[in-house]
Amino acid sequence: MQRFLSTARTILAHRGFLALLGCNILLGLAYSFVGPFMSMFGTREVGMSNFVFGVFMTITSVVSIVLSTLLAHWSDTRFSRRSMLVLGAVCGTAGYAAYAVVRDVVWLTVIGSFVLGISSITFSQLFAHAREMLSRSDVPARDTPLYMNVFRLFFALSWTIGPATAAWVMSLYSYEGTFLVAALVFFLFLLAVLRYVPYAAPFVGSKTAKAMPLRQALMRPVVLAHFIAFVLVFTAGTICMSNLPLLVLNTLAGNQGHVGIIYSVAPVFELPFMFFFGMLATKGDQARLIRLAVILSVVYYAGLSVVQAPWHIYPLQVISAAIVAVTSGIAITFFQNFLPDQVGTATNLYSNAMRVGGTAGYLLFGWLAETFGYRAVFVFCTAICAVAFAILYFYRRAGTSAPSPALGRTALRGAGLRASGPVPPPRRPCTSLDSFLAGGDAP
């Protein structure tokens, strides 16, 4: 409790931290209005088959990966985070407003690829901005994972009300109303960025930013291993996002209200889990927590493959909350540590794992659902998460000691910032689960 109160006092005393929390809520709310219902929108409203919907989402995901990678590099070398956030917010507003009225598959693909593709940079840029803000503050470097998880917690907070509210809006105003509300929230996000996010020049003084392109970073075995593992985890997550609503509606005889409740249960538990795992990350090994989350993913998808009624999914969403608290919270800091002088590119590396997983997930979903049915899809998700854990377990020694959570000193000097030296986290007693997750090399 003392740690919670201390963290809360620090955030409340820093205006920039408070503004960042508000931006996270708005961005999460916009995504929560759209994400859970995209497969329903594509198949039921637009009339796509499951396969065509998978191709549609694959094309838009591939284009967004290319655009976001280019923009992320520019954010580290040419333009400010504020400029990128403004650009993403404008495109998000325009893109979802267009989705409210367009029903032609070709035009939806163009809008989703280029307008919303540019908008996809907002998530990684917001958390890159958060990392740099922490480095400018008096927050100890070893507490960075905790504060990053708190910021991610407020992104999850919006999902406690977003999907259920979106389902209610949809029942009254159909998909037009849902997308227009998402566009409005993105516009509010734009106003928040213009008002509260200050201009800061990119770290042009960083030689590392020029010498380490993304493809070179991926040549490091430990980076590539974690990237592939997260691609598999996010592939399963994307398949689940598309498949779960249709399983509820078409197999379990549920309705849109059940879907809204299902996607609102997990965020309630994500809040305490994110703080809890954030504290653990300041004391121990982040890579070990990530392996734990992947094991929980195997359990979660195995459970979804055997549910018989919509309410059976509710308790499983508690496991989902623990998974998200690590893979969408601590994992951001973990990836940023791979390229400490290029926080924008490093955060986008994490985001690209999400997008590549999304691309594979959407394409596989269409084929799997058409061929094997909605329930068997979760068996596939169980299998690929087991493969992801095997990859992380094989590279456990290379990935056990995460780099310092502080931003690289080269980058900080380029920005004229002060940095405190990295403080080695204290070791904690090893349990039998710790030993298994660490592969026998736990302290």
Protein backbone atom coordinates (compact mmCIF):
# COMPACT_ATOMS: atom_id res chain seq x y z
CA MET A 1 0.00 0.00 0.00
CA GLN A 2 2.87 2.36 0.82
CA ARG A 3 4.34 1.76 -2.64
CA PHE A 4 0.99 2.50 -4.24
CA LEU A 5 0.56 5.75 -2.31
CA SER A 6 4.11 6.85 -3.11
CA THR A 7 3.59 6.22 -6.84
CA ALA A 8 0.23 8.00 -6.78
CA ARG A 9 1.74 11.06 -5.05
CA THR A 10 4.53 11.26 -7.63
CA ILE A 11 2.06 11.11 -10.52
CA LEU A 12 -0.33 13.62 -8.98
CA ALA A 13 2.53 16.05 -8.36
CA HIS A 14 3.65 15.98 -12.00
CA ARG A 15 1.37 17.73 -14.47
CA GLY A 16 2.92 15.93 -17.43
CA PHE A 17 2.21 12.54 -15.86
CA LEU A 18 -1.43 13.46 -15.28
CA ALA A 19 -1.81 14.62 -18.89
CA LEU A 20 -0.27 11.37 -20.07
CA LEU A 21 -2.80 9.38 -18.05
CA GLY A 22 -5.62 11.31 -19.71
CA CYS A 23 -4.18 10.69 -23.17
CA ASN A 24 -3.92 6.98 -22.42
CA ILE A 25 -7.56 6.83 -21.36
CA LEU A 26 -8.72 8.59 -24.53
CA LEU A 27 -6.61 6.49 -26.87
CA GLY A 28 -7.68 3.28 -25.16
CA LEU A 29 -11.32 4.32 -25.29
CA ALA A 30 -11.12 4.96 -29.03
CA TYR A 31 -9.61 1.52 -29.65
CA SER A 32 -12.02 -0.21 -27.27
CA PHE A 33 -14.98 1.11 -29.27
CA VAL A 34 -13.65 -0.48 -32.45
CA GLY A 35 -11.42 -3.49 -31.76
CA PRO A 36 -13.91 -5.99 -30.30
CA PHE A 37 -16.45 -5.39 -33.06
CA MET A 38 -14.33 -5.28 -36.23
CA SER A 39 -15.01 -8.90 -37.20
CA MET A 40 -18.75 -8.32 -36.68
CA PHE A 41 -18.57 -5.11 -38.73
CA GLY A 42 -16.74 -6.78 -41.62
CA THR A 43 -18.80 -9.95 -41.80
CA ARG A 44 -22.27 -8.80 -40.74
CA GLU A 45 -22.41 -5.14 -41.75
CA VAL A 46 -20.20 -5.03 -44.86
CA GLY A 47 -20.96 -8.61 -45.93
CA MET A 48 -17.43 -10.03 -46.17
CA SER A 49 -16.80 -13.73 -45.76
CA ASN A 50 -14.44 -14.77 -42.98
CA PHE A 51 -11.68 -15.27 -45.55
CA VAL A 52 -12.22 -11.89 -47.25
CA PHE A 53 -12.27 -10.20 -43.85
CA GLY A 54 -8.95 -11.87 -43.06
CA VAL A 55 -7.45 -10.61 -46.33
CA PHE A 56 -8.85 -7.11 -45.69
CA MET A 57 -7.28 -6.95 -42.24
CA THR A 58 -4.02 -8.43 -43.54
CA ILE A 59 -3.63 -5.73 -46.20
CA THR A 60 -4.37 -2.90 -43.80
CA SER A 61 -1.98 -4.36 -41.21
CA VAL A 62 0.91 -4.77 -43.66
CA VAL A 63 0.61 -1.18 -44.88
CA SER A 64 0.41 0.11 -41.29
CA ILE A 65 3.62 -1.78 -40.42
CA VAL A 66 5.49 -0.12 -43.28
CA LEU A 67 4.15 3.36 -42.51
CA SER A 68 4.63 3.13 -38.75
CA THR A 69 8.22 1.86 -39.11
CA LEU A 70 9.11 4.80 -41.32
CA LEU A 71 7.39 7.30 -39.03
CA ALA A 72 9.01 5.78 -35.93
CA HIS A 73 12.47 6.22 -37.44
CA TRP A 74 11.67 9.82 -38.30
CA SER A 75 10.45 10.42 -34.75
CA ASP A 76 13.92 9.43 -33.48
CA THR A 77 15.84 11.51 -36.01
CA ARG A 78 13.75 14.29 -37.60
CA PHE A 79 10.41 15.12 -36.01
CA SER A 80 9.14 15.49 -32.46
CA ARG A 81 6.90 13.00 -30.68
CA ARG A 82 4.28 15.76 -30.51
CA SER A 83 4.21 16.10 -34.29
CA MET A 84 3.77 12.36 -34.74
CA LEU A 85 0.99 12.22 -32.14
CA VAL A 86 -0.83 15.10 -33.82
CA LEU A 87 -0.53 13.41 -37.22
CA GLY A 88 -1.79 10.11 -35.82
CA ALA A 89 -4.70 11.75 -34.00
CA VAL A 90 -5.83 13.65 -37.10
CA CYS A 91 -5.73 10.47 -39.19
CA GLY A 92 -7.54 8.51 -36.48
CA THR A 93 -10.34 11.06 -36.39
CA ALA A 94 -10.68 11.11 -40.18
CA GLY A 95 -10.34 7.34 -40.59
CA TYR A 96 -13.03 6.30 -38.12
CA ALA A 97 -15.37 9.04 -39.32
CA ALA A 98 -14.99 7.59 -42.82
CA TYR A 99 -15.65 4.06 -41.54
CA ALA A 100 -18.98 5.31 -40.19
CA VAL A 101 -20.30 5.94 -43.71
CA VAL A 102 -18.25 3.84 -46.15
CA ARG A 103 -19.33 0.25 -46.88
CA ASP A 104 -17.39 -0.48 -50.06
CA VAL A 105 -14.64 -3.04 -49.40
CA VAL A 106 -12.10 -1.37 -51.70
CA TRP A 107 -12.50 2.06 -50.14
CA LEU A 108 -12.50 0.60 -46.63
CA THR A 109 -9.19 -1.07 -47.51
CA VAL A 110 -7.70 2.20 -48.78
CA ILE A 111 -8.86 4.11 -45.69
CA GLY A 112 -7.76 1.38 -43.30
CA SER A 113 -4.36 1.02 -44.98
CA PHE A 114 -3.26 4.61 -45.37
CA VAL A 115 -5.36 6.82 -43.07
CA LEU A 116 -5.69 4.45 -40.14
CA GLY A 117 -2.26 3.01 -40.99
CA ILE A 118 -0.71 6.38 -40.20
CA SER A 119 -2.92 6.65 -37.13
CA SER A 120 -1.44 3.40 -35.77
CA ILE A 121 1.74 5.30 -34.84
CA THR A 122 -0.05 6.95 -31.91
CA PHE A 123 0.27 4.02 -29.49
CA SER A 124 4.03 3.53 -29.83
CA GLN A 125 4.70 7.29 -29.88
CA LEU A 126 2.63 7.85 -26.75
CA PHE A 127 4.65 5.28 -24.81
CA ALA A 128 7.94 6.50 -26.28
CA HIS A 129 6.97 9.95 -25.01
CA ALA A 130 6.18 8.40 -21.61
CA ARG A 131 9.61 6.76 -21.43
CA GLU A 132 11.39 10.00 -22.25
CA MET A 133 9.26 11.90 -19.75
CA LEU A 134 10.28 9.46 -17.01
CA SER A 135 13.93 9.93 -17.93
CA ARG A 136 13.56 13.70 -17.53
CA SER A 137 11.95 13.28 -14.11
CA ASP A 138 13.35 12.35 -10.70
CA VAL A 139 11.81 8.87 -10.84
CA PRO A 140 14.56 6.28 -10.15
CA ALA A 141 15.56 4.34 -13.25
CA ARG A 142 14.80 1.00 -11.60
CA ASP A 143 11.15 2.10 -11.09
CA THR A 144 10.61 2.72 -14.80
CA PRO A 145 8.75 -0.58 -15.42
CA LEU A 146 6.33 0.24 -12.58
CA TYR A 147 5.46 3.70 -13.91
CA MET A 148 5.22 2.44 -17.49
CA ASN A 149 2.78 -0.20 -16.29
CA VAL A 150 0.77 2.45 -14.44
CA PHE A 151 0.53 4.46 -17.66
CA ARG A 152 -0.52 1.32 -19.53
CA LEU A 153 -3.00 0.64 -16.71
CA PHE A 154 -4.95 3.78 -17.62
CA PHE A 155 -5.03 2.64 -21.24
CA ALA A 156 -6.64 -0.57 -19.95
CA LEU A 157 -8.98 1.42 -17.69
CA SER A 158 -10.88 2.65 -20.72
CA TRP A 159 -11.57 -0.96 -21.72
CA THR A 160 -13.58 -1.48 -18.52
CA ILE A 161 -16.35 0.67 -19.97
CA GLY A 162 -15.51 1.00 -23.68
CA PRO A 163 -16.75 -2.30 -25.17
CA ALA A 164 -19.96 -2.38 -23.10
CA THR A 165 -20.68 1.26 -23.96
CA ALA A 166 -19.91 0.58 -27.63
CA ALA A 167 -22.36 -2.34 -27.60
CA TRP A 168 -25.03 -0.02 -26.16
CA VAL A 169 -24.28 2.68 -28.77
CA MET A 170 -24.40 0.02 -31.49
CA SER A 171 -27.80 -1.17 -30.32
CA LEU A 172 -29.14 2.39 -30.70
CA TYR A 173 -27.22 3.81 -33.65
CA SER A 174 -25.66 0.75 -35.31
CA TYR A 175 -22.06 0.81 -36.53
CA GLU A 176 -22.34 4.40 -37.74
CA GLY A 177 -22.75 5.59 -34.17
CA THR A 178 -19.92 3.41 -32.87
CA PHE A 179 -17.38 4.68 -35.39
CA LEU A 180 -18.48 8.31 -35.00
CA VAL A 181 -17.98 8.08 -31.23
CA ALA A 182 -14.52 6.57 -31.83
CA ALA A 183 -13.73 9.47 -34.18
CA LEU A 184 -14.92 11.96 -31.54
CA VAL A 185 -12.70 10.37 -28.90
CA PHE A 186 -9.72 10.56 -31.26
CA PHE A 187 -10.51 14.26 -31.77
CA LEU A 188 -10.47 14.77 -27.99
CA PHE A 189 -7.14 12.95 -27.92
CA LEU A 190 -5.88 15.40 -30.55
CA LEU A 191 -6.94 18.36 -28.39
CA ALA A 192 -5.21 16.81 -25.36
CA VAL A 193 -1.97 16.36 -27.29
CA LEU A 194 -2.05 19.94 -28.60
CA ARG A 195 -2.69 21.27 -25.10
CA TYR A 196 -0.50 19.11 -22.87
CA VAL A 197 2.26 17.39 -24.87
CA PRO A 198 5.21 19.78 -25.21
CA TYR A 199 7.46 20.02 -28.22
CA ALA A 200 10.79 18.25 -27.76
CA ALA A 201 13.39 17.87 -30.48
CA PRO A 202 14.39 14.31 -31.42
CA PHE A 203 17.69 12.95 -30.14
CA VAL A 204 19.66 14.10 -33.16
CA GLY A 205 22.84 13.89 -31.16
CA SER A 206 22.56 10.13 -30.82
CA LYS A 207 25.01 8.32 -33.07
CA THR A 208 23.39 5.05 -32.12
CA ALA A 209 20.11 6.14 -33.68
CA LYS A 210 21.87 6.49 -37.03
CA ALA A 211 24.01 3.36 -36.73
CA MET A 212 21.39 0.83 -35.58
CA PRO A 213 18.55 0.41 -38.09
CA LEU A 214 15.70 -1.89 -37.13
CA ARG A 215 16.86 -4.74 -39.37
CA GLN A 216 20.28 -4.68 -37.67
CA ALA A 217 18.67 -4.85 -34.23
CA LEU A 218 16.68 -7.89 -35.33
CA MET A 219 19.93 -9.66 -36.22
CA ARG A 220 20.69 -9.96 -32.50
CA PRO A 221 19.44 -13.48 -31.56
CA VAL A 222 17.79 -12.49 -28.28
CA VAL A 223 15.94 -9.60 -29.93
CA LEU A 224 14.80 -11.75 -32.83
CA ALA A 225 13.72 -14.56 -30.48
CA HIS A 226 11.55 -12.25 -28.38
CA PHE A 227 10.19 -10.54 -31.49
CA ILE A 228 9.12 -13.90 -32.99
CA ALA A 229 7.66 -15.08 -29.69
CA PHE A 230 5.61 -11.90 -29.35
CA VAL A 231 4.48 -12.18 -32.96
CA LEU A 232 3.08 -15.62 -32.08
CA VAL A 233 1.44 -14.33 -28.89
CA PHE A 234 -0.12 -11.40 -30.72
CA THR A 235 -1.20 -13.69 -33.57
CA ALA A 236 -3.15 -15.73 -31.02
CA GLY A 237 -4.54 -12.54 -29.48
CA THR A 238 -5.70 -11.20 -32.84
CA ILE A 239 -7.32 -14.49 -33.76
CA CYS A 240 -9.06 -14.46 -30.39
CA MET A 241 -10.26 -10.88 -30.88
CA SER A 242 -11.87 -11.85 -34.19
CA ASN A 243 -13.06 -15.32 -33.21
CA LEU A 244 -14.44 -14.81 -29.71
CA PRO A 245 -17.39 -12.55 -30.65
CA LEU A 246 -18.41 -14.92 -33.45
CA LEU A 247 -18.05 -17.94 -31.15
CA VAL A 248 -20.38 -16.24 -28.67
CA LEU A 249 -22.93 -15.27 -31.32
CA ASN A 250 -22.85 -18.27 -33.65
CA THR A 251 -21.88 -21.21 -31.41
CA LEU A 252 -22.83 -20.30 -27.83
CA ALA A 253 -26.14 -18.57 -28.73
CA GLY A 254 -25.07 -15.32 -27.07
CA ASN A 255 -25.73 -11.71 -28.07
CA GLN A 256 -23.91 -8.39 -28.42
CA GLY A 257 -24.43 -7.68 -24.73
CA HIS A 258 -22.49 -10.81 -23.82
CA VAL A 259 -19.66 -9.70 -26.11
CA GLY A 260 -19.55 -6.28 -24.45
CA ILE A 261 -19.44 -7.82 -20.97
CA ILE A 262 -16.71 -10.28 -21.95
CA TYR A 263 -14.45 -7.51 -23.18
CA SER A 264 -15.18 -5.39 -20.11
CA VAL A 265 -14.37 -8.04 -17.47
CA ALA A 266 -10.65 -8.37 -18.17
CA PRO A 267 -9.77 -4.64 -17.89
CA VAL A 268 -11.26 -4.53 -14.37
CA PHE A 269 -8.65 -7.05 -13.26
CA GLU A 270 -5.92 -5.60 -15.46
CA LEU A 271 -5.75 -2.56 -13.19
CA PRO A 272 -4.50 -4.31 -10.03
CA PHE A 273 -2.51 -6.84 -12.07
CA MET A 274 -0.60 -4.12 -13.90
CA PHE A 275 0.41 -2.45 -10.66
CA PHE A 276 1.30 -5.81 -9.08
CA PHE A 277 3.40 -7.02 -12.01
CA GLY A 278 4.93 -3.55 -12.35
CA MET A 279 6.21 -3.80 -8.78
CA LEU A 280 7.55 -7.30 -9.46
CA ALA A 281 9.38 -5.98 -12.52
CA THR A 282 11.27 -3.46 -10.36
CA LYS A 283 12.50 -6.27 -8.08
CA GLY A 284 13.21 -9.14 -10.42
CA ASP A 285 13.56 -10.35 -13.96
CA GLN A 286 11.18 -8.95 -16.57
CA ALA A 287 11.89 -11.81 -18.99
CA ARG A 288 10.73 -14.33 -16.41
CA LEU A 289 7.42 -12.51 -16.00
CA ILE A 290 6.99 -12.54 -19.76
CA ARG A 291 7.47 -16.31 -19.84
CA LEU A 292 4.86 -16.64 -17.09
CA ALA A 293 2.38 -14.64 -19.19
CA VAL A 294 2.96 -16.90 -22.19
CA ILE A 295 2.25 -19.99 -20.06
CA LEU A 296 -0.97 -18.35 -18.90
CA SER A 297 -1.84 -17.75 -22.57
CA VAL A 298 -1.67 -21.49 -23.18
CA VAL A 299 -4.06 -22.08 -20.27
CA TYR A 300 -6.42 -19.30 -21.41
CA TYR A 301 -6.86 -20.47 -24.99
CA ALA A 302 -7.18 -24.09 -23.92
CA GLY A 303 -10.03 -22.98 -21.66
CA LEU A 304 -11.76 -21.06 -24.45
CA SER A 305 -11.68 -24.15 -26.65
CA VAL A 306 -14.02 -26.02 -24.28
CA VAL A 307 -16.50 -23.36 -23.01
CA GLN A 308 -20.18 -24.22 -23.40
CA ALA A 309 -21.94 -20.93 -22.53
CA PRO A 310 -21.09 -17.21 -22.69
CA TRP A 311 -20.82 -16.92 -18.91
CA HIS A 312 -18.12 -19.61 -18.88
CA ILE A 313 -15.85 -17.06 -20.55
CA TYR A 314 -16.19 -14.49 -17.76
CA PRO A 315 -13.80 -16.17 -15.25
CA LEU A 316 -11.31 -16.94 -18.03
CA GLN A 317 -11.05 -13.21 -18.64
CA VAL A 318 -9.25 -12.91 -15.29
CA ILE A 319 -6.42 -14.97 -16.80
CA SER A 320 -6.57 -12.75 -19.86
CA ALA A 321 -6.11 -9.73 -17.60
CA ALA A 322 -2.90 -11.17 -16.15
CA ILE A 323 -1.62 -11.90 -19.66
CA VAL A 324 -2.34 -8.38 -20.88
CA ALA A 325 -0.78 -6.84 -17.75
CA VAL A 326 2.55 -8.35 -18.77
CA THR A 327 2.50 -8.60 -22.57
CA SER A 328 1.01 -5.14 -23.03
CA GLY A 329 2.63 -3.47 -20.03
CA ILE A 330 6.02 -4.72 -18.88
CA ALA A 331 6.82 -5.89 -22.41
CA ILE A 332 6.87 -2.29 -23.66
CA THR A 333 9.66 -1.40 -21.23
CA PHE A 334 11.40 -4.69 -22.02
CA PHE A 335 11.54 -3.90 -25.74
CA GLN A 336 12.60 -0.30 -25.10
CA ASN A 337 15.62 -1.66 -23.23
CA PHE A 338 16.86 -3.38 -26.39
CA LEU A 339 17.48 0.01 -28.07
CA PRO A 340 17.84 2.52 -25.20
CA ASP A 341 19.09 5.32 -27.50
CA GLN A 342 16.17 4.90 -29.94
CA VAL A 343 13.10 4.71 -27.76
CA GLY A 344 10.74 5.48 -30.65
CA THR A 345 12.16 2.75 -32.85
CA ALA A 346 12.33 0.32 -29.92
CA THR A 347 8.70 0.94 -28.96
CA ASN A 348 7.73 0.54 -32.59
CA LEU A 349 9.60 -2.79 -32.62
CA TYR A 350 7.12 -3.94 -29.98
CA SER A 351 4.23 -2.40 -31.92
CA ASN A 352 5.40 -4.08 -35.11
CA ALA A 353 5.39 -7.45 -33.35
CA MET A 354 1.79 -6.64 -32.53
CA ARG A 355 1.03 -5.66 -36.12
CA VAL A 356 2.81 -8.63 -37.70
CA GLY A 357 0.92 -10.85 -35.29
CA GLY A 358 -2.24 -9.02 -36.27
CA THR A 359 -1.51 -9.55 -39.95
CA ALA A 360 -0.94 -13.28 -39.50
CA GLY A 361 -3.86 -13.53 -37.09
CA TYR A 362 -6.42 -11.94 -39.36
CA LEU A 363 -5.34 -14.02 -42.33
CA LEU A 364 -5.26 -17.27 -40.36
CA PHE A 365 -8.56 -16.54 -38.66
CA GLY A 366 -10.45 -16.45 -41.93
CA TRP A 367 -9.02 -19.76 -43.09
CA LEU A 368 -9.25 -21.52 -39.72
CA ALA A 369 -12.81 -20.42 -39.00
CA GLU A 370 -14.03 -21.37 -42.47
CA THR A 371 -12.26 -24.75 -42.42
CA PHE A 372 -12.42 -25.99 -38.83
CA GLY A 373 -15.05 -23.88 -37.06
CA TYR A 374 -14.86 -21.30 -34.31
CA ARG A 375 -14.09 -23.64 -31.42
CA ALA A 376 -11.12 -25.34 -33.09
CA VAL A 377 -9.54 -21.93 -33.69
CA PHE A 378 -8.66 -21.72 -30.00
CA VAL A 379 -6.87 -25.06 -30.15
CA PHE A 380 -4.58 -23.49 -32.74
CA CYS A 381 -4.04 -20.46 -30.46
CA THR A 382 -3.06 -22.82 -27.65
CA ALA A 383 -0.49 -24.52 -29.86
CA ILE A 384 1.24 -21.38 -31.13
CA CYS A 385 1.48 -19.93 -27.62
CA ALA A 386 3.16 -23.18 -26.55
CA VAL A 387 5.66 -22.65 -29.39
CA ALA A 388 6.22 -19.05 -28.22
CA PHE A 389 7.05 -20.27 -24.72
CA ALA A 390 9.47 -22.86 -26.15
CA ILE A 391 11.32 -20.08 -28.02
CA LEU A 392 11.56 -17.88 -24.92
CA TYR A 393 12.63 -20.85 -22.80
CA PHE A 394 15.40 -21.72 -25.27
CA TYR A 395 16.74 -18.16 -25.18
CA ARG A 396 16.18 -17.74 -21.44
CA ARG A 397 19.85 -17.16 -20.56
CA ALA A 398 20.33 -14.51 -23.21
CA GLY A 399 17.15 -12.69 -22.23
CA THR A 400 17.16 -13.12 -18.45
CA SER A 401 19.16 -10.01 -17.65
CA ALA A 402 17.33 -7.11 -19.19
CA PRO A 403 19.31 -3.97 -20.01
CA SER A 404 19.06 -0.93 -17.83
CA PRO A 405 15.64 0.73 -17.80
CA ALA A 406 17.26 4.14 -18.15
CA LEU A 407 17.47 5.73 -21.54
CA GLY A 408 20.90 5.55 -23.12
CA ARG A 409 23.26 8.29 -22.00
CA THR A 410 24.13 9.13 -25.59
CA ALA A 411 20.53 9.93 -26.34
CA LEU A 412 20.12 11.90 -23.16
CA ARG A 413 23.17 14.02 -23.90
CA GLY A 414 21.79 14.63 -27.39
CA ALA A 415 18.61 15.95 -25.82
CA GLY A 416 20.37 17.88 -23.07
CA LEU A 417 18.83 15.72 -20.33
CA ARG A 418 20.14 14.44 -17.00
CA ALA A 419 20.24 10.76 -16.23
CA SER A 420 20.85 8.89 -13.04
CA GLY A 421 22.94 5.76 -13.37
CA PRO A 422 21.21 2.41 -13.57
CA VAL A 423 20.58 0.79 -10.23
CA PRO A 424 20.80 -3.01 -10.25
CA PRO A 425 17.51 -4.46 -9.00
CA PRO A 426 17.75 -6.51 -5.80
CA ARG A 427 17.49 -10.24 -6.15
CA ARG A 428 14.63 -12.07 -4.52
CA PRO A 429 14.34 -15.64 -3.25
CA CYS A 430 13.71 -18.23 -5.96
CA THR A 431 10.56 -20.33 -5.89
CA SER A 432 10.06 -23.55 -7.80
CA LEU A 433 7.99 -21.66 -10.41
CA ASP A 434 10.77 -19.06 -10.66
CA SER A 435 13.26 -21.84 -11.29
CA PHE A 436 11.12 -23.35 -14.04
CA LEU A 437 10.51 -20.03 -15.77
CA ALA A 438 14.20 -19.17 -15.52
CA GLY A 439 15.18 -22.56 -16.92
CA GLY A 440 17.16 -23.52 -13.85
CA ASP A 441 19.32 -20.40 -13.85
CA ALA A 442 17.34 -18.42 -11.33
CA PRO A 443 19.43 -16.81 -8.59
